[in-house]
Amino acid sequence: MRCLFKVLPLAGAAFCMPAPAAGTVNVTFEKPENFQDASRDYPRQTDQSVLDALAAYIKEQAAPLLDDDQTLDITITEINLAGEFRPYTATQQMVRTLTEVTWPQMTLEYTLREGGEAGPVQKVQLADMNYRQRVRAPSDDEPLYYDKKMLDEWIRKTFGRR
């Protein structure tokens, strides 16, 4: 049994609680140089920091929903981040602009393995056409906010505990 140790500062005591189960999540990107838009900056060349951030987020969100003996393999085959680059006239720089028709989109394939046995390959096309309706705190400056929320919703619906 894995344990999480909790220390009670006032009582000076420690006790062991069962740690939540966590499976393994592997994320790969197929031909990322061909992704429609996976860039933080203009021109739209795939940005490794975007891929790293998305992979880390998927692992962080999905792993706790899996059992210890489960492995989730995800291959992302297309990314189109929320918004698009448009010229900002005051500075003549390109900035990412969010509009009703520039919703986040992603295409991926995944397999869930349990105890060494692989399940079928599932192909998924994610899109959040209502992304601008999401309430976002003014202090939240996460650049991939809408893309991560789209992934979070899919992860919870697909792998969430029933």
N, C-alpha and C. Protein backbone atom coordinates (compact mmCIF):
# COMPACT_ATOMS: atom_id res chain seq x y z
N MET A 1 0.85 -1.18 0.00
CA MET A 1 0.00 0.00 0.00
C MET A 1 0.89 1.24 0.00
N ARG A 2 0.62 2.14 -0.93
CA ARG A 2 1.32 3.42 -0.91
C ARG A 2 0.71 4.27 0.19
N CYS A 3 1.53 5.08 0.83
CA CYS A 3 1.02 5.92 1.91
C CYS A 3 1.31 7.38 1.65
N LEU A 4 0.39 8.19 2.06
CA LEU A 4 0.62 9.62 2.14
C LEU A 4 0.77 9.93 3.62
N PHE A 5 1.87 10.54 3.98
CA PHE A 5 2.06 10.85 5.39
C PHE A 5 1.54 12.25 5.67
N LYS A 6 0.74 12.35 6.68
CA LYS A 6 0.20 13.63 7.12
C LYS A 6 0.77 13.93 8.50
N VAL A 7 1.24 15.11 8.67
CA VAL A 7 1.76 15.52 9.96
C VAL A 7 0.83 16.59 10.51
N LEU A 8 0.40 16.36 11.72
CA LEU A 8 -0.45 17.34 12.39
C LEU A 8 0.46 18.24 13.22
N PRO A 9 0.66 19.49 12.81
CA PRO A 9 1.64 20.35 13.47
C PRO A 9 1.33 20.60 14.94
N LEU A 10 0.09 20.75 15.29
CA LEU A 10 -0.24 21.05 16.68
C LEU A 10 -0.10 19.82 17.56
N ALA A 11 -0.42 18.66 17.03
CA ALA A 11 -0.38 17.44 17.83
C ALA A 11 1.00 16.78 17.74
N GLY A 12 1.80 17.14 16.71
CA GLY A 12 3.10 16.53 16.56
C GLY A 12 3.00 15.07 16.17
N ALA A 13 1.89 14.65 15.58
CA ALA A 13 1.69 13.25 15.23
C ALA A 13 1.68 13.08 13.72
N ALA A 14 2.02 11.89 13.31
CA ALA A 14 1.97 11.55 11.89
C ALA A 14 1.16 10.27 11.74
N PHE A 15 0.45 10.14 10.65
CA PHE A 15 -0.30 8.92 10.39
C PHE A 15 -0.26 8.64 8.90
N CYS A 16 -0.56 7.41 8.56
CA CYS A 16 -0.49 6.97 7.17
C CYS A 16 -1.89 6.82 6.61
N MET A 17 -2.12 7.44 5.44
CA MET A 17 -3.40 7.30 4.74
C MET A 17 -3.11 6.62 3.41
N PRO A 18 -4.02 5.81 2.91
CA PRO A 18 -3.80 5.24 1.58
C PRO A 18 -3.72 6.35 0.55
N ALA A 19 -2.71 6.28 -0.32
CA ALA A 19 -2.58 7.28 -1.38
C ALA A 19 -3.57 6.95 -2.49
N PRO A 20 -4.06 7.96 -3.16
CA PRO A 20 -4.98 7.69 -4.26
C PRO A 20 -4.26 6.92 -5.36
N ALA A 21 -4.98 6.05 -6.02
CA ALA A 21 -4.41 5.28 -7.12
C ALA A 21 -4.02 6.23 -8.24
N ALA A 22 -2.96 5.87 -8.92
CA ALA A 22 -2.54 6.70 -10.05
C ALA A 22 -1.90 5.79 -11.08
N GLY A 23 -2.42 5.84 -12.28
CA GLY A 23 -1.87 5.05 -13.37
C GLY A 23 -0.77 5.82 -14.08
N THR A 24 -0.39 5.28 -15.22
CA THR A 24 0.66 5.89 -16.04
C THR A 24 0.04 6.49 -17.28
N VAL A 25 0.49 7.67 -17.66
CA VAL A 25 0.00 8.33 -18.87
C VAL A 25 1.20 8.67 -19.74
N ASN A 26 1.14 8.23 -21.00
CA ASN A 26 2.17 8.54 -21.99
C ASN A 26 1.54 9.41 -23.07
N VAL A 27 2.18 10.53 -23.39
CA VAL A 27 1.67 11.43 -24.42
C VAL A 27 2.75 11.61 -25.49
N THR A 28 2.36 11.37 -26.74
CA THR A 28 3.27 11.60 -27.86
C THR A 28 2.56 12.47 -28.89
N PHE A 29 3.36 13.08 -29.75
CA PHE A 29 2.83 13.95 -30.80
C PHE A 29 3.29 13.40 -32.15
N GLU A 30 2.33 13.17 -33.04
CA GLU A 30 2.65 12.65 -34.37
C GLU A 30 2.80 13.80 -35.36
N LYS A 31 3.95 13.92 -35.93
CA LYS A 31 4.27 14.97 -36.91
C LYS A 31 3.87 16.37 -36.42
N PRO A 32 4.39 16.79 -35.27
CA PRO A 32 4.00 18.10 -34.73
C PRO A 32 4.35 19.27 -35.63
N GLU A 33 5.34 19.09 -36.49
CA GLU A 33 5.70 20.17 -37.41
C GLU A 33 4.57 20.49 -38.39
N ASN A 34 3.61 19.58 -38.53
CA ASN A 34 2.48 19.79 -39.44
C ASN A 34 1.21 20.27 -38.73
N PHE A 35 1.28 20.49 -37.41
CA PHE A 35 0.10 20.94 -36.69
C PHE A 35 -0.35 22.30 -37.22
N GLN A 36 -1.66 22.48 -37.28
CA GLN A 36 -2.21 23.72 -37.81
C GLN A 36 -1.77 24.94 -37.00
N ASP A 37 -1.88 24.84 -35.67
CA ASP A 37 -1.50 25.97 -34.81
C ASP A 37 -1.18 25.45 -33.42
N ALA A 38 0.11 25.33 -33.14
CA ALA A 38 0.57 24.93 -31.80
C ALA A 38 1.71 25.86 -31.40
N SER A 39 1.44 27.15 -31.52
CA SER A 39 2.48 28.15 -31.30
C SER A 39 2.01 29.25 -30.37
N ARG A 40 2.93 29.73 -29.55
CA ARG A 40 2.63 30.89 -28.69
C ARG A 40 2.87 32.19 -29.43
N ASP A 41 3.69 32.14 -30.47
CA ASP A 41 4.09 33.35 -31.17
C ASP A 41 3.87 33.22 -32.67
N TYR A 42 3.91 34.35 -33.33
CA TYR A 42 3.82 34.38 -34.78
C TYR A 42 5.23 34.40 -35.33
N PRO A 43 5.59 33.72 -36.38
CA PRO A 43 4.77 32.91 -37.26
C PRO A 43 4.44 31.56 -36.62
N ARG A 44 3.42 30.93 -37.14
CA ARG A 44 2.90 29.70 -36.56
C ARG A 44 3.80 28.50 -36.85
N GLN A 45 4.83 28.37 -36.06
CA GLN A 45 5.65 27.17 -36.10
C GLN A 45 5.41 26.46 -34.79
N THR A 46 5.34 25.14 -34.83
CA THR A 46 5.06 24.40 -33.62
C THR A 46 6.08 24.74 -32.55
N ASP A 47 5.58 25.07 -31.38
CA ASP A 47 6.39 25.50 -30.25
C ASP A 47 6.51 24.34 -29.26
N GLN A 48 7.73 23.88 -29.01
CA GLN A 48 7.93 22.74 -28.11
C GLN A 48 7.40 23.03 -26.72
N SER A 49 7.44 24.27 -26.28
CA SER A 49 6.93 24.59 -24.93
C SER A 49 5.42 24.39 -24.85
N VAL A 50 4.71 24.61 -25.96
CA VAL A 50 3.26 24.35 -25.99
C VAL A 50 3.01 22.85 -25.88
N LEU A 51 3.75 22.06 -26.63
CA LEU A 51 3.59 20.60 -26.58
C LEU A 51 3.92 20.08 -25.18
N ASP A 52 4.99 20.58 -24.60
CA ASP A 52 5.38 20.14 -23.25
C ASP A 52 4.31 20.50 -22.22
N ALA A 53 3.76 21.70 -22.33
CA ALA A 53 2.73 22.15 -21.38
C ALA A 53 1.46 21.30 -21.52
N LEU A 54 1.05 21.01 -22.74
CA LEU A 54 -0.14 20.19 -22.95
C LEU A 54 0.08 18.76 -22.46
N ALA A 55 1.24 18.18 -22.75
CA ALA A 55 1.54 16.82 -22.31
C ALA A 55 1.55 16.74 -20.78
N ALA A 56 2.18 17.70 -20.14
CA ALA A 56 2.23 17.71 -18.67
C ALA A 56 0.83 17.85 -18.09
N TYR A 57 0.02 18.70 -18.69
CA TYR A 57 -1.34 18.90 -18.18
C TYR A 57 -2.17 17.63 -18.32
N ILE A 58 -2.07 16.97 -19.46
CA ILE A 58 -2.82 15.73 -19.67
C ILE A 58 -2.41 14.69 -18.63
N LYS A 59 -1.11 14.54 -18.42
CA LYS A 59 -0.62 13.56 -17.43
C LYS A 59 -1.12 13.90 -16.03
N GLU A 60 -1.05 15.17 -15.68
CA GLU A 60 -1.47 15.63 -14.35
C GLU A 60 -2.96 15.37 -14.11
N GLN A 61 -3.77 15.58 -15.13
CA GLN A 61 -5.21 15.42 -14.97
C GLN A 61 -5.67 13.97 -15.08
N ALA A 62 -5.05 13.19 -15.96
CA ALA A 62 -5.53 11.84 -16.23
C ALA A 62 -4.99 10.79 -15.27
N ALA A 63 -3.74 10.89 -14.87
CA ALA A 63 -3.11 9.86 -14.04
C ALA A 63 -3.90 9.54 -12.76
N PRO A 64 -4.38 10.53 -12.01
CA PRO A 64 -5.12 10.21 -10.79
C PRO A 64 -6.45 9.50 -11.04
N LEU A 65 -6.95 9.55 -12.26
CA LEU A 65 -8.22 8.89 -12.57
C LEU A 65 -8.04 7.43 -12.97
N LEU A 66 -6.80 7.00 -13.12
CA LEU A 66 -6.50 5.64 -13.52
C LEU A 66 -6.09 4.80 -12.32
N ASP A 67 -6.31 3.49 -12.41
CA ASP A 67 -5.84 2.57 -11.39
C ASP A 67 -4.34 2.33 -11.59
N ASP A 68 -3.68 1.82 -10.55
CA ASP A 68 -2.24 1.57 -10.61
C ASP A 68 -1.83 0.71 -11.79
N ASP A 69 -2.64 -0.25 -12.17
CA ASP A 69 -2.26 -1.17 -13.24
C ASP A 69 -2.73 -0.71 -14.62
N GLN A 70 -3.20 0.52 -14.74
CA GLN A 70 -3.66 1.05 -16.02
C GLN A 70 -2.62 2.00 -16.62
N THR A 71 -2.48 1.92 -17.93
CA THR A 71 -1.60 2.83 -18.68
C THR A 71 -2.41 3.42 -19.82
N LEU A 72 -2.39 4.72 -19.91
CA LEU A 72 -3.08 5.43 -20.97
C LEU A 72 -2.04 5.96 -21.95
N ASP A 73 -2.13 5.53 -23.20
CA ASP A 73 -1.24 6.00 -24.26
C ASP A 73 -2.03 6.93 -25.17
N ILE A 74 -1.58 8.17 -25.28
CA ILE A 74 -2.26 9.17 -26.10
C ILE A 74 -1.30 9.66 -27.17
N THR A 75 -1.77 9.67 -28.41
CA THR A 75 -1.01 10.24 -29.52
C THR A 75 -1.83 11.39 -30.09
N ILE A 76 -1.29 12.58 -30.02
CA ILE A 76 -1.97 13.76 -30.54
C ILE A 76 -1.53 13.94 -31.99
N THR A 77 -2.51 14.00 -32.88
CA THR A 77 -2.20 14.06 -34.31
C THR A 77 -2.49 15.43 -34.93
N GLU A 78 -3.20 16.30 -34.22
CA GLU A 78 -3.48 17.65 -34.73
C GLU A 78 -3.81 18.57 -33.57
N ILE A 79 -3.32 19.79 -33.64
CA ILE A 79 -3.63 20.83 -32.65
C ILE A 79 -3.93 22.12 -33.40
N ASN A 80 -5.01 22.77 -32.97
CA ASN A 80 -5.34 24.11 -33.43
C ASN A 80 -5.78 24.87 -32.19
N LEU A 81 -4.87 25.66 -31.63
CA LEU A 81 -5.14 26.37 -30.39
C LEU A 81 -6.25 27.39 -30.55
N ALA A 82 -6.86 27.75 -29.43
CA ALA A 82 -7.91 28.78 -29.44
C ALA A 82 -7.33 30.10 -29.96
N GLY A 83 -8.11 30.78 -30.78
CA GLY A 83 -7.70 32.07 -31.31
C GLY A 83 -6.88 31.95 -32.57
N GLU A 84 -6.53 33.11 -33.11
CA GLU A 84 -5.67 33.16 -34.28
C GLU A 84 -4.85 34.44 -34.21
N PHE A 85 -3.74 34.45 -34.93
CA PHE A 85 -2.89 35.63 -34.93
C PHE A 85 -3.43 36.66 -35.91
N ARG A 86 -3.53 37.90 -35.42
CA ARG A 86 -3.97 39.02 -36.24
C ARG A 86 -3.08 40.22 -35.93
N PRO A 87 -2.92 41.12 -36.89
CA PRO A 87 -2.08 42.30 -36.61
C PRO A 87 -2.75 43.25 -35.63
N TYR A 88 -1.99 43.73 -34.68
CA TYR A 88 -2.46 44.73 -33.73
C TYR A 88 -1.93 46.07 -34.24
N THR A 89 -2.83 46.94 -34.67
CA THR A 89 -2.43 48.14 -35.39
C THR A 89 -1.59 49.11 -34.57
N ALA A 90 -1.80 49.18 -33.27
CA ALA A 90 -1.04 50.14 -32.47
C ALA A 90 0.45 49.83 -32.44
N THR A 91 0.81 48.56 -32.46
CA THR A 91 2.23 48.19 -32.38
C THR A 91 2.74 47.48 -33.63
N GLN A 92 1.85 47.20 -34.57
CA GLN A 92 2.20 46.46 -35.79
C GLN A 92 2.74 45.06 -35.48
N GLN A 93 2.36 44.52 -34.33
CA GLN A 93 2.74 43.16 -33.97
C GLN A 93 1.54 42.24 -34.14
N MET A 94 1.84 40.94 -34.32
CA MET A 94 0.77 39.95 -34.41
C MET A 94 0.41 39.49 -33.00
N VAL A 95 -0.88 39.49 -32.69
CA VAL A 95 -1.34 39.03 -31.38
C VAL A 95 -2.42 37.98 -31.58
N ARG A 96 -2.52 37.06 -30.61
CA ARG A 96 -3.55 36.03 -30.68
C ARG A 96 -4.88 36.65 -30.28
N THR A 97 -5.85 36.55 -31.17
CA THR A 97 -7.17 37.13 -30.96
C THR A 97 -8.20 36.00 -30.87
N LEU A 98 -9.06 36.07 -29.86
CA LEU A 98 -10.09 35.05 -29.67
C LEU A 98 -11.40 35.54 -30.28
N THR A 99 -11.98 34.74 -31.18
CA THR A 99 -13.26 35.08 -31.79
C THR A 99 -14.18 33.88 -31.72
N GLU A 100 -15.43 34.08 -32.14
CA GLU A 100 -16.41 33.00 -32.11
C GLU A 100 -16.05 31.84 -33.03
N VAL A 101 -15.25 32.09 -34.05
CA VAL A 101 -14.94 31.04 -35.03
C VAL A 101 -13.53 30.48 -34.90
N THR A 102 -12.82 30.81 -33.82
CA THR A 102 -11.46 30.32 -33.65
C THR A 102 -11.35 29.47 -32.38
N TRP A 103 -12.26 28.52 -32.25
CA TRP A 103 -12.30 27.68 -31.05
C TRP A 103 -11.14 26.68 -31.06
N PRO A 104 -10.78 26.18 -29.87
CA PRO A 104 -9.70 25.19 -29.79
C PRO A 104 -10.16 23.85 -30.37
N GLN A 105 -9.22 23.18 -31.05
CA GLN A 105 -9.51 21.87 -31.65
C GLN A 105 -8.28 20.98 -31.49
N MET A 106 -8.54 19.70 -31.32
CA MET A 106 -7.46 18.74 -31.20
C MET A 106 -7.96 17.38 -31.69
N THR A 107 -7.08 16.64 -32.35
CA THR A 107 -7.38 15.29 -32.78
C THR A 107 -6.36 14.38 -32.11
N LEU A 108 -6.85 13.27 -31.56
CA LEU A 108 -5.96 12.35 -30.88
C LEU A 108 -6.46 10.92 -30.97
N GLU A 109 -5.55 10.01 -30.68
CA GLU A 109 -5.87 8.59 -30.57
C GLU A 109 -5.39 8.15 -29.20
N TYR A 110 -6.14 7.24 -28.57
CA TYR A 110 -5.70 6.75 -27.27
C TYR A 110 -6.02 5.28 -27.11
N THR A 111 -5.22 4.64 -26.27
CA THR A 111 -5.43 3.25 -25.89
C THR A 111 -5.27 3.17 -24.39
N LEU A 112 -6.18 2.47 -23.75
CA LEU A 112 -6.09 2.25 -22.31
C LEU A 112 -5.69 0.79 -22.10
N ARG A 113 -4.54 0.59 -21.50
CA ARG A 113 -4.06 -0.77 -21.20
C ARG A 113 -4.29 -1.04 -19.72
N GLU A 114 -4.74 -2.25 -19.44
CA GLU A 114 -4.99 -2.64 -18.06
C GLU A 114 -4.37 -4.00 -17.83
N GLY A 115 -3.45 -4.06 -16.88
CA GLY A 115 -2.78 -5.32 -16.59
C GLY A 115 -2.06 -5.90 -17.79
N GLY A 116 -1.52 -5.04 -18.64
CA GLY A 116 -0.78 -5.51 -19.81
C GLY A 116 -1.62 -5.73 -21.05
N GLU A 117 -2.94 -5.80 -20.91
CA GLU A 117 -3.82 -5.99 -22.07
C GLU A 117 -4.27 -4.64 -22.61
N ALA A 118 -4.04 -4.44 -23.90
CA ALA A 118 -4.40 -3.18 -24.53
C ALA A 118 -5.85 -3.21 -25.00
N GLY A 119 -6.54 -2.13 -24.76
CA GLY A 119 -7.89 -1.98 -25.28
C GLY A 119 -7.82 -1.50 -26.72
N PRO A 120 -8.96 -1.28 -27.34
CA PRO A 120 -8.96 -0.82 -28.74
C PRO A 120 -8.45 0.62 -28.85
N VAL A 121 -7.91 0.95 -30.00
CA VAL A 121 -7.49 2.32 -30.27
C VAL A 121 -8.73 3.16 -30.53
N GLN A 122 -8.86 4.23 -29.79
CA GLN A 122 -9.99 5.14 -29.93
C GLN A 122 -9.51 6.42 -30.59
N LYS A 123 -10.24 6.88 -31.59
CA LYS A 123 -9.92 8.15 -32.25
C LYS A 123 -10.92 9.20 -31.80
N VAL A 124 -10.41 10.37 -31.44
CA VAL A 124 -11.26 11.41 -30.88
C VAL A 124 -10.92 12.75 -31.54
N GLN A 125 -11.96 13.50 -31.87
CA GLN A 125 -11.80 14.87 -32.33
C GLN A 125 -12.44 15.77 -31.29
N LEU A 126 -11.62 16.59 -30.67
CA LEU A 126 -12.10 17.51 -29.64
C LEU A 126 -12.27 18.90 -30.23
N ALA A 127 -13.32 19.57 -29.82
CA ALA A 127 -13.55 20.96 -30.21
C ALA A 127 -14.45 21.58 -29.15
N ASP A 128 -14.17 22.81 -28.81
CA ASP A 128 -14.99 23.54 -27.84
C ASP A 128 -15.48 24.82 -28.50
N MET A 129 -16.58 24.68 -29.23
CA MET A 129 -17.12 25.82 -29.99
C MET A 129 -17.66 26.92 -29.08
N ASN A 130 -17.95 26.58 -27.83
CA ASN A 130 -18.47 27.58 -26.89
C ASN A 130 -17.41 28.03 -25.90
N TYR A 131 -16.16 27.95 -26.29
CA TYR A 131 -15.07 28.23 -25.36
C TYR A 131 -15.13 29.64 -24.77
N ARG A 132 -15.64 30.58 -25.50
CA ARG A 132 -15.68 31.96 -25.00
C ARG A 132 -16.76 32.16 -23.94
N GLN A 133 -17.62 31.18 -23.73
CA GLN A 133 -18.65 31.27 -22.71
C GLN A 133 -18.11 30.86 -21.33
N ARG A 134 -16.92 30.31 -21.28
CA ARG A 134 -16.34 29.87 -20.01
C ARG A 134 -15.98 31.08 -19.15
N VAL A 135 -16.29 30.98 -17.88
CA VAL A 135 -15.95 32.05 -16.94
C VAL A 135 -14.48 31.90 -16.59
N ARG A 136 -13.76 32.99 -16.72
CA ARG A 136 -12.33 32.97 -16.44
C ARG A 136 -12.00 34.12 -15.50
N ALA A 137 -11.28 33.81 -14.43
CA ALA A 137 -10.92 34.85 -13.46
C ALA A 137 -10.01 35.87 -14.13
N PRO A 138 -10.23 37.15 -13.84
CA PRO A 138 -9.39 38.19 -14.45
C PRO A 138 -7.90 38.01 -14.15
N SER A 139 -7.58 37.39 -13.03
CA SER A 139 -6.17 37.21 -12.65
C SER A 139 -5.55 35.97 -13.31
N ASP A 140 -6.35 35.17 -14.00
CA ASP A 140 -5.85 33.95 -14.63
C ASP A 140 -5.18 34.30 -15.95
N ASP A 141 -3.86 34.22 -15.98
CA ASP A 141 -3.14 34.57 -17.19
C ASP A 141 -2.56 33.34 -17.91
N GLU A 142 -3.16 32.18 -17.69
CA GLU A 142 -2.72 30.95 -18.34
C GLU A 142 -2.92 31.08 -19.85
N PRO A 143 -1.82 31.03 -20.63
CA PRO A 143 -1.96 31.23 -22.08
C PRO A 143 -2.70 30.11 -22.81
N LEU A 144 -2.74 28.92 -22.24
CA LEU A 144 -3.44 27.79 -22.88
C LEU A 144 -4.73 27.45 -22.14
N TYR A 145 -5.31 28.43 -21.49
CA TYR A 145 -6.49 28.21 -20.64
C TYR A 145 -7.60 27.45 -21.36
N TYR A 146 -8.03 27.92 -22.50
CA TYR A 146 -9.18 27.32 -23.18
C TYR A 146 -8.85 25.94 -23.74
N ASP A 147 -7.64 25.76 -24.19
CA ASP A 147 -7.22 24.47 -24.71
C ASP A 147 -7.16 23.43 -23.59
N LYS A 148 -6.65 23.83 -22.44
CA LYS A 148 -6.57 22.93 -21.30
C LYS A 148 -7.97 22.60 -20.75
N LYS A 149 -8.86 23.56 -20.74
CA LYS A 149 -10.22 23.30 -20.26
C LYS A 149 -10.93 22.30 -21.18
N MET A 150 -10.70 22.40 -22.48
CA MET A 150 -11.28 21.44 -23.42
C MET A 150 -10.75 20.03 -23.12
N LEU A 151 -9.44 19.92 -22.89
CA LEU A 151 -8.85 18.63 -22.55
C LEU A 151 -9.38 18.11 -21.22
N ASP A 152 -9.47 19.00 -20.25
CA ASP A 152 -9.95 18.62 -18.92
C ASP A 152 -11.35 18.03 -18.99
N GLU A 153 -12.22 18.66 -19.76
CA GLU A 153 -13.58 18.16 -19.90
C GLU A 153 -13.61 16.77 -20.53
N TRP A 154 -12.80 16.55 -21.56
CA TRP A 154 -12.75 15.24 -22.21
C TRP A 154 -12.18 14.19 -21.25
N ILE A 155 -11.12 14.52 -20.52
CA ILE A 155 -10.51 13.58 -19.58
C ILE A 155 -11.51 13.17 -18.50
N ARG A 156 -12.20 14.14 -17.93
CA ARG A 156 -13.18 13.83 -16.88
C ARG A 156 -14.33 12.97 -17.40
N LYS A 157 -14.83 13.30 -18.60
CA LYS A 157 -15.94 12.53 -19.17
C LYS A 157 -15.51 11.11 -19.55
N THR A 158 -14.30 10.97 -20.02
CA THR A 158 -13.84 9.68 -20.53
C THR A 158 -13.27 8.77 -19.45
N PHE A 159 -12.53 9.33 -18.49
CA PHE A 159 -11.82 8.50 -17.53
C PHE A 159 -12.23 8.76 -16.07
N GLY A 160 -13.16 9.68 -15.85
CA GLY A 160 -13.59 10.00 -14.50
C GLY A 160 -14.21 8.82 -13.79
N ARG A 161 -14.04 8.79 -12.51
CA ARG A 161 -14.64 7.71 -11.70
C ARG A 161 -16.15 7.76 -11.79
N ARG A 162 -16.77 6.64 -11.92
CA ARG A 162 -18.22 6.57 -12.04
C ARG A 162 -18.83 6.27 -10.69
